[in-house]
Each structure stands twice: as C-alpha cells, then as structure tokens.
C-alpha atoms as a PDB file:
ATOM      1  CA  MET A   1      21.104  -5.238  39.721  1.00  0.00           C
ATOM      2  CA  SER A   2      23.570  -7.991  40.302  1.00  0.00           C
ATOM      3  CA  THR A   3      27.220  -7.459  40.621  1.00  0.00           C
ATOM      4  CA  SER A   4      27.841  -9.404  37.458  1.00  0.00           C
ATOM      5  CA  SER A   5      25.577  -7.181  35.454  1.00  0.00           C
ATOM      6  CA  ALA A   6      27.277  -4.095  36.824  1.00  0.00           C
ATOM      7  CA  ARG A   7      30.613  -5.346  35.720  1.00  0.00           C
ATOM      8  CA  GLU A   8      29.259  -5.949  32.199  1.00  0.00           C
ATOM      9  CA  THR A   9      27.853  -2.562  31.753  1.00  0.00           C
ATOM     10  CA  PRO A  10      31.177  -0.692  31.141  1.00  0.00           C
ATOM     11  CA  ASP A  11      32.350  -3.514  28.811  1.00  0.00           C
ATOM     12  CA  LEU A  12      29.152  -3.292  26.680  1.00  0.00           C
ATOM     13  CA  ALA A  13      29.737   0.553  26.557  1.00  0.00           C
ATOM     14  CA  LEU A  14      33.292   0.121  25.403  1.00  0.00           C
ATOM     15  CA  LEU A  15      32.200  -2.351  22.886  1.00  0.00           C
ATOM     16  CA  ARG A  16      29.590  -0.056  21.504  1.00  0.00           C
ATOM     17  CA  GLN A  17      32.054   2.822  21.432  1.00  0.00           C
ATOM     18  CA  THR A  18      34.561   0.705  19.617  1.00  0.00           C
ATOM     19  CA  MET A  19      31.912  -0.272  16.977  1.00  0.00           C
ATOM     20  CA  GLU A  20      30.909   3.275  16.539  1.00  0.00           C
ATOM     21  CA  ASN A  21      34.454   4.338  16.022  1.00  0.00           C
ATOM     22  CA  LEU A  22      34.992   1.590  13.488  1.00  0.00           C
ATOM     23  CA  LEU A  23      31.673   2.444  11.638  1.00  0.00           C
ATOM     24  CA  ALA A  24      32.796   6.065  11.573  1.00  0.00           C
ATOM     25  CA  GLU A  25      36.063   5.015  10.004  1.00  0.00           C
ATOM     26  CA  CYS A  26      34.340   2.905   7.401  1.00  0.00           C
ATOM     27  CA  GLU A  27      31.972   5.841   6.492  1.00  0.00           C
ATOM     28  CA  THR A  28      35.050   8.067   6.119  1.00  0.00           C
ATOM     29  CA  ARG A  29      36.850   5.664   3.842  1.00  0.00           C
ATOM     30  CA  LEU A  30      33.688   4.982   1.790  1.00  0.00           C
ATOM     31  CA  SER A  31      33.130   8.668   1.428  1.00  0.00           C
ATOM     32  CA  GLN A  32      36.816   8.993   0.204  1.00  0.00           C
ATOM     33  CA  ALA A  33      36.263   6.257  -2.324  1.00  0.00           C
ATOM     34  CA  GLU A  34      33.122   7.829  -3.588  1.00  0.00           C
ATOM     35  CA  ALA A  35      34.966  11.185  -3.942  1.00  0.00           C
ATOM     36  CA  ARG A  36      37.655   9.368  -5.886  1.00  0.00           C
ATOM     37  CA  TRP A  37      34.997   7.667  -8.029  1.00  0.00           C
ATOM     38  CA  GLN A  38      33.433  10.952  -8.798  1.00  0.00           C
ATOM     39  CA  THR A  39      36.750  12.525  -9.736  1.00  0.00           C
ATOM     40  CA  SER A  40      37.438   9.581 -12.132  1.00  0.00           C
ATOM     41  CA  SER A  41      33.801   9.947 -13.573  1.00  0.00           C
ATOM     42  CA  SER A  42      34.497  13.718 -14.093  1.00  0.00           C
ATOM     43  CA  LEU A  43      37.782  12.993 -15.921  1.00  0.00           C
ATOM     44  CA  SER A  44      35.951  10.332 -17.978  1.00  0.00           C
ATOM     45  CA  ASN A  45      33.372  12.686 -18.853  1.00  0.00           C
ATOM     46  CA  GLU A  46      35.825  15.292 -19.843  1.00  0.00           C
ATOM     47  CA  ARG A  47      37.586  12.756 -22.328  1.00  0.00           C
ATOM     48  CA  ASN A  48      34.253  12.017 -23.661  1.00  0.00           C
ATOM     49  CA  ARG A  49      33.621  15.666 -24.459  1.00  0.00           C
ATOM     50  CA  VAL A  50      37.093  16.017 -26.037  1.00  0.00           C
ATOM     51  CA  ASN A  51      36.394  12.897 -28.154  1.00  0.00           C
ATOM     52  CA  ALA A  52      32.843  13.920 -29.020  1.00  0.00           C
ATOM     53  CA  SER A  53      33.780  14.551 -32.669  1.00  0.00           C
ATOM     54  CA  ALA A  54      34.961  10.952 -33.121  1.00  0.00           C
ATOM     55  CA  PRO A  55      32.693   8.653 -35.133  1.00  0.00           C
ATOM     56  CA  VAL A  56      30.022   6.811 -32.985  1.00  0.00           C
ATOM     57  CA  GLU A  57      31.237   3.387 -34.182  1.00  0.00           C
ATOM     58  CA  SER A  58      34.850   3.952 -32.925  1.00  0.00           C
ATOM     59  CA  ASN A  59      33.348   4.204 -29.401  1.00  0.00           C
ATOM     60  CA  ALA A  60      31.351   1.068 -29.921  1.00  0.00           C
ATOM     61  CA  GLN A  61      34.563  -0.818 -30.950  1.00  0.00           C
ATOM     62  CA  ASN A  62      36.186   0.005 -27.664  1.00  0.00           C
ATOM     63  CA  THR A  63      34.390  -2.656 -25.766  1.00  0.00           C
ATOM     64  CA  PRO A  64      36.176  -6.059 -25.114  1.00  0.00           C
ATOM     65  CA  LYS A  65      33.503  -7.906 -27.232  1.00  0.00           C
ATOM     66  CA  ALA A  66      33.870  -5.478 -30.135  1.00  0.00           C
ATOM     67  CA  ARG A  67      37.761  -5.704 -29.924  1.00  0.00           C
ATOM     68  CA  SER A  68      37.531  -9.418 -29.946  1.00  0.00           C
ATOM     69  CA  LYS A  69      35.276  -9.397 -32.967  1.00  0.00           C
ATOM     70  CA  ASN A  70      37.486  -6.925 -34.611  1.00  0.00           C
ATOM     71  CA  ARG A  71      40.577  -9.064 -34.079  1.00  0.00           C
ATOM     72  CA  ALA A  72      38.762 -12.160 -35.560  1.00  0.00           C
ATOM     73  CA  ALA A  73      37.809 -10.110 -38.588  1.00  0.00           C
ATOM     74  CA  ASN A  74      41.504  -8.962 -39.004  1.00  0.00           C
ATOM     75  CA  LEU A  75      42.664 -12.591 -38.780  1.00  0.00           C
ATOM     76  CA  ALA A  76      40.204 -13.808 -41.294  1.00  0.00           C
ATOM     77  CA  ALA A  77      41.077 -11.116 -43.770  1.00  0.00           C
ATOM     78  CA  LEU A  78      44.853 -11.918 -43.214  1.00  0.00           C
ATOM     79  CA  GLN A  79      44.116 -15.535 -43.882  1.00  0.00           C
ATOM     80  CA  LEU A  80      42.814 -14.609 -47.238  1.00  0.00           C
ATOM     81  CA  LEU A  81      46.114 -12.934 -48.104  1.00  0.00           C
ATOM     82  CA  GLN A  82      48.109 -15.762 -46.740  1.00  0.00           C
ATOM     83  CA  ASP A  83      46.059 -18.214 -48.889  1.00  0.00           C
ATOM     84  CA  ALA A  84      46.401 -16.145 -51.980  1.00  0.00           C
ATOM     85  CA  TYR A  85      50.067 -15.208 -51.519  1.00  0.00           C
ATOM     86  CA  PRO A  86      51.665 -17.771 -49.212  1.00  0.00           C
ATOM     87  CA  GLN A  87      55.173 -16.774 -50.439  1.00  0.00           C
ATOM     88  CA  VAL A  88      54.634 -13.135 -49.165  1.00  0.00           C
ATOM     89  CA  PHE A  89      52.351 -13.414 -46.050  1.00  0.00           C
ATOM     90  CA  ALA A  90      53.643 -16.619 -44.541  1.00  0.00           C
ATOM     91  CA  ALA A  91      53.592 -16.473 -40.748  1.00  0.00           C
ATOM     92  CA  GLN A  92      57.274 -17.718 -40.634  1.00  0.00           C
ATOM     93  CA  PRO A  93      59.521 -16.274 -41.720  1.00  0.00           C
ATOM     94  CA  VAL A  94      57.924 -12.938 -41.704  1.00  0.00           C
ATOM     95  CA  ARG A  95      59.286 -10.861 -44.623  1.00  0.00           C
ATOM     96  CA  ALA A  96      59.247  -7.040 -45.266  1.00  0.00           C
ATOM     97  CA  LEU A  97      56.838  -5.909 -47.756  1.00  0.00           C
ATOM     98  CA  LYS A  98      57.407  -3.787 -50.873  1.00  0.00           C
ATOM     99  CA  ILE A  99      56.608  -0.187 -50.467  1.00  0.00           C
ATOM    100  CA  GLY A 100      53.262   0.384 -52.334  1.00  0.00           C
ATOM    101  CA  ILE A 101      52.259  -3.428 -52.177  1.00  0.00           C
ATOM    102  CA  GLN A 102      48.773  -2.352 -51.241  1.00  0.00           C
ATOM    103  CA  GLU A 103      48.274  -0.955 -54.687  1.00  0.00           C
ATOM    104  CA  ASP A 104      49.599  -4.009 -56.323  1.00  0.00           C
ATOM    105  CA  LEU A 105      47.151  -6.266 -54.159  1.00  0.00           C
ATOM    106  CA  ILE A 106      44.246  -4.032 -55.263  1.00  0.00           C
ATOM    107  CA  ALA A 107      45.167  -4.269 -58.886  1.00  0.00           C
ATOM    108  CA  ASP A 108      45.561  -8.157 -58.608  1.00  0.00           C
ATOM    109  CA  ALA A 109      42.036  -8.299 -57.297  1.00  0.00           C
ATOM    110  CA  LYS A 110      42.373 -11.690 -55.697  1.00  0.00           C
ATOM    111  CA  VAL A 111      41.019 -10.295 -52.399  1.00  0.00           C
ATOM    112  CA  ALA A 112      38.277  -7.594 -51.933  1.00  0.00           C
ATOM    113  CA  LYS A 113      39.709  -4.169 -51.436  1.00  0.00           C
ATOM    114  CA  ASN A 114      38.322  -3.790 -47.824  1.00  0.00           C
ATOM    115  CA  LYS A 115      39.773  -7.132 -46.835  1.00  0.00           C
ATOM    116  CA  ILE A 116      43.158  -6.109 -48.259  1.00  0.00           C
ATOM    117  CA  LYS A 117      43.234  -2.801 -46.111  1.00  0.00           C
ATOM    118  CA  ARG A 118      42.283  -4.572 -43.035  1.00  0.00           C
ATOM    119  CA  ALA A 119      44.705  -7.388 -43.354  1.00  0.00           C
ATOM    120  CA  LEU A 120      47.599  -5.316 -44.258  1.00  0.00           C
ATOM    121  CA  ALA A 121      46.927  -2.932 -41.248  1.00  0.00           C
ATOM    122  CA  SER A 122      46.917  -5.979 -39.027  1.00  0.00           C
ATOM    123  CA  PHE A 123      49.990  -7.581 -40.610  1.00  0.00           C
ATOM    124  CA  VAL A 124      52.338  -4.585 -40.587  1.00  0.00           C
ATOM    125  CA  ARG A 125      51.451  -3.524 -36.980  1.00  0.00           C
ATOM    126  CA  SER A 126      52.241  -6.885 -35.591  1.00  0.00           C
ATOM    127  CA  PRO A 127      55.365  -7.211 -33.403  1.00  0.00           C
ATOM    128  CA  ASN A 128      56.777  -9.977 -35.616  1.00  0.00           C
ATOM    129  CA  TYR A 129      56.550  -7.773 -38.723  1.00  0.00           C
ATOM    130  CA  LEU A 130      58.113  -4.862 -37.013  1.00  0.00           C
ATOM    131  CA  ARG A 131      60.941  -7.097 -35.839  1.00  0.00           C
ATOM    132  CA  SER A 132      61.557  -8.165 -39.424  1.00  0.00           C
ATOM    133  CA  LEU A 133      62.367  -4.537 -40.399  1.00  0.00           C
ATOM    134  CA  GLN A 134      66.046  -4.722 -39.984  1.00  0.00           C
ATOM    135  CA  ALA A 135      68.358  -2.388 -41.859  1.00  0.00           C
ATOM    136  CA  GLY A 136      69.307  -3.967 -45.058  1.00  0.00           C
ATOM    137  CA  ALA A 137      66.643  -6.591 -45.000  1.00  0.00           C
ATOM    138  CA  ALA A 138      65.109  -7.456 -48.340  1.00  0.00           C
ATOM    139  CA  ARG A 139      61.592  -6.225 -49.310  1.00  0.00           C
ATOM    140  CA  VAL A 140      59.433  -8.472 -51.363  1.00  0.00           C
ATOM    141  CA  ASP A 141      56.715  -8.044 -54.019  1.00  0.00           C
ATOM    142  CA  LEU A 142      53.562 -10.313 -54.600  1.00  0.00           C
ATOM    143  CA  GLN A 143      55.751 -12.904 -56.316  1.00  0.00           C
ATOM    144  CA  GLY A 144      58.132 -13.102 -53.355  1.00  0.00           C
ATOM    145  CA  GLN A 145      60.902 -11.364 -55.461  1.00  0.00           C
ATOM    146  CA  GLU A 146      63.262  -8.981 -53.718  1.00  0.00           C
ATOM    147  CA  VAL A 147      62.511  -5.401 -54.941  1.00  0.00           C
ATOM    148  CA  GLY A 148      64.286  -3.212 -52.389  1.00  0.00           C
ATOM    149  CA  GLU A 149      65.497  -3.167 -48.794  1.00  0.00           C
ATOM    150  CA  VAL A 150      64.611  -1.744 -45.474  1.00  0.00           C
ATOM    151  CA  THR A 151      66.541   1.390 -44.761  1.00  0.00           C
ATOM    152  CA  ALA A 152      68.203   2.432 -41.360  1.00  0.00           C
ATOM    153  CA  GLU A 153      65.572   5.049 -40.832  1.00  0.00           C
ATOM    154  CA  GLU A 154      62.830   2.535 -41.322  1.00  0.00           C
ATOM    155  CA  ALA A 155      64.429   0.087 -39.075  1.00  0.00           C
ATOM    156  CA  GLU A 156      64.736   2.662 -36.304  1.00  0.00           C
ATOM    157  CA  HIS A 157      61.179   3.756 -36.774  1.00  0.00           C
ATOM    158  CA  ALA A 158      60.138   0.105 -36.332  1.00  0.00           C
ATOM    159  CA  ARG A 159      62.209  -0.179 -33.107  1.00  0.00           C
ATOM    160  CA  GLN A 160      60.565   2.979 -31.767  1.00  0.00           C
ATOM    161  CA  GLN A 161      57.075   1.439 -32.450  1.00  0.00           C
ATOM    162  CA  LEU A 162      58.085  -1.837 -30.672  1.00  0.00           C
ATOM    163  CA  ARG A 163      59.261   0.129 -27.554  1.00  0.00           C
ATOM    164  CA  GLU A 164      56.124   2.073 -27.476  1.00  0.00           C
ATOM    165  CA  MET A 165      54.122  -1.084 -27.743  1.00  0.00           C
ATOM    166  CA  HIS A 166      56.019  -2.667 -24.944  1.00  0.00           C
ATOM    167  CA  LYS A 167      55.508   0.450 -22.901  1.00  0.00           C
ATOM    168  CA  LEU A 168      51.746   0.517 -23.510  1.00  0.00           C
ATOM    169  CA  ARG A 169      51.527  -3.183 -22.616  1.00  0.00           C
ATOM    170  CA  LYS A 170      53.176  -2.624 -19.271  1.00  0.00           C
ATOM    171  CA  GLN A 171      51.069   0.305 -18.658  1.00  0.00           C
ATOM    172  CA  ARG A 172      47.885  -1.755 -19.183  1.00  0.00           C
ATOM    173  CA  GLN A 173      49.229  -4.512 -17.113  1.00  0.00           C
ATOM    174  CA  LYS A 174      49.949  -2.042 -14.249  1.00  0.00           C
ATOM    175  CA  GLU A 175      46.459  -0.429 -14.533  1.00  0.00           C
ATOM    176  CA  GLN A 176      44.727  -3.897 -14.324  1.00  0.00           C
ATOM    177  CA  GLU A 177      46.813  -4.804 -11.276  1.00  0.00           C
ATOM    178  CA  GLN A 178      45.963  -1.619  -9.601  1.00  0.00           C
ATOM    179  CA  GLU A 179      42.243  -2.003 -10.384  1.00  0.00           C
ATOM    180  CA  ALA A 180      42.269  -5.664  -9.086  1.00  0.00           C
ATOM    181  CA  LEU A 181      43.888  -4.339  -5.802  1.00  0.00           C
ATOM    182  CA  ARG A 182      41.305  -1.599  -5.436  1.00  0.00           C
ATOM    183  CA  ARG A 183      38.471  -4.059  -5.892  1.00  0.00           C
ATOM    184  CA  GLU A 184      39.972  -6.392  -3.406  1.00  0.00           C
ATOM    185  CA  LYS A 185      40.392  -3.667  -0.818  1.00  0.00           C
ATOM    186  CA  GLU A 186      36.854  -2.434  -1.515  1.00  0.00           C
ATOM    187  CA  GLU A 187      35.466  -5.986  -1.021  1.00  0.00           C
ATOM    188  CA  ARG A 188      37.272  -6.414   2.281  1.00  0.00           C
ATOM    189  CA  MET A 189      35.981  -2.969   3.432  1.00  0.00           C
ATOM    190  CA  ASN A 190      32.432  -3.860   2.447  1.00  0.00           C
ATOM    191  CA  ALA A 191      32.615  -7.191   4.178  1.00  0.00           C
ATOM    192  CA  LYS A 192      33.938  -5.606   7.378  1.00  0.00           C
ATOM    193  CA  LEU A 193      31.196  -3.025   7.267  1.00  0.00           C
ATOM    194  CA  ASP A 194      28.516  -5.671   6.859  1.00  0.00           C
ATOM    195  CA  GLN A 195      29.993  -7.380   9.905  1.00  0.00           C
ATOM    196  CA  LEU A 196      29.967  -4.459  12.027  1.00  0.00           C
ATOM    197  CA  LEU A 197      26.325  -3.391  10.898  1.00  0.00           C
ATOM    198  CA  THR A 198      25.321  -6.941  11.877  1.00  0.00           C
ATOM    199  CA  LEU A 199      26.898  -6.698  15.362  1.00  0.00           C
ATOM    200  CA  ASN A 200      25.372  -3.311  15.932  1.00  0.00           C
ATOM    201  CA  ARG A 201      21.829  -4.589  15.352  1.00  0.00           C
ATOM    202  CA  ARG A 202      22.218  -7.176  18.006  1.00  0.00           C
END
C-alpha cells in the first residue's frame, strides 16, 4: 500500500462517519416529522368524529373548489337583488336594511325564494354592510324609504363581528405562513437527505 493511500484511509473513514451521523440526524428529524403528522392526523380524525352528525354536503363544500363555486353562486344571487332593487342593494353606498326585509322580498316575488336567502346571507355578512351599521343610521325598505334606524346595540354587535372577522383572517394568514415554512423546511431536509444518500452510494 502506498504512503498516499495510507493517508487517505483515515480521511475516508472520517467522511463515512460524518455521513452516517448526518443520515442518523435526518432519520431522527424525519421520524419527528412523521410523529407530528400522525398527531395532526389523529386530531383531524377526532374533529371528524365530533362533526360526524353534520350533513355530508357541508363537508363537500369545505374544499377550495366548492367554496369558490359557492361564492360565485352568492354573487349571482346578489346581482339579481341589485338588478331588481338598485336603490336598496347598490354596492355604494351600502345602506342598512329594514328588519324583516326578507319577508318583504319573498312577498314581492321578483326573485326566487332560495336566491333571496342566499343573496341576503351574503350581503349582510359582508364587511361593508357591517361597517354601515352605525348607531342612528337609517334602515331602508324595498322602495329605499327610511323605516327605522340602527340601534347602539346593533352597531356594537356589528363591530364585534368585524373584529372577529379580522381575527380569523389574521389567524388563517398565520396558519398559511406556518404551513409554507414547514413545507420549505421539509423540502430542504429531503434535498439534503437525497444528496447524502447519493454520496453514500459512491
């Protein structure tokens, strides 16, 4: 054996030991990630069991595609009301509606009952509508005539809903950022593991 080969042997042994240590660390981290995934899966299964009594269609509507389709249907129904009652459901300015206006809409029969319910639900839950519910603001009927006003209690309830919507929006944004960061870390770890496995085969 040459002197050069004798000097390389410890270096190769050290490199192999380093690779084995890195592989062991990767396996540990992957095991931890798998354990976290299993915990998350168990919690998800538990939520599914708790919500088992909910209608099947409500679960189907919880997909991005279904939510997008639902929003489109809401907007289409709302457009029907805006076309039939432009003085009441105009996008700007948003006006507070008369209490019990749904019954008036159904009785007027210009729009189908199921469309009325869908459109109203979408309209009164929008941030712009909630912001319009200021104490003392006029409520209007189907002719756009003032028939009452928003009470202080109703205005406070609208503010609470807006705060809750803002809180949920921030929470969803945070969850999306955390998920993106987790995926990025996992991709880096997988790439590193692939490199180590390739080196180990040489």
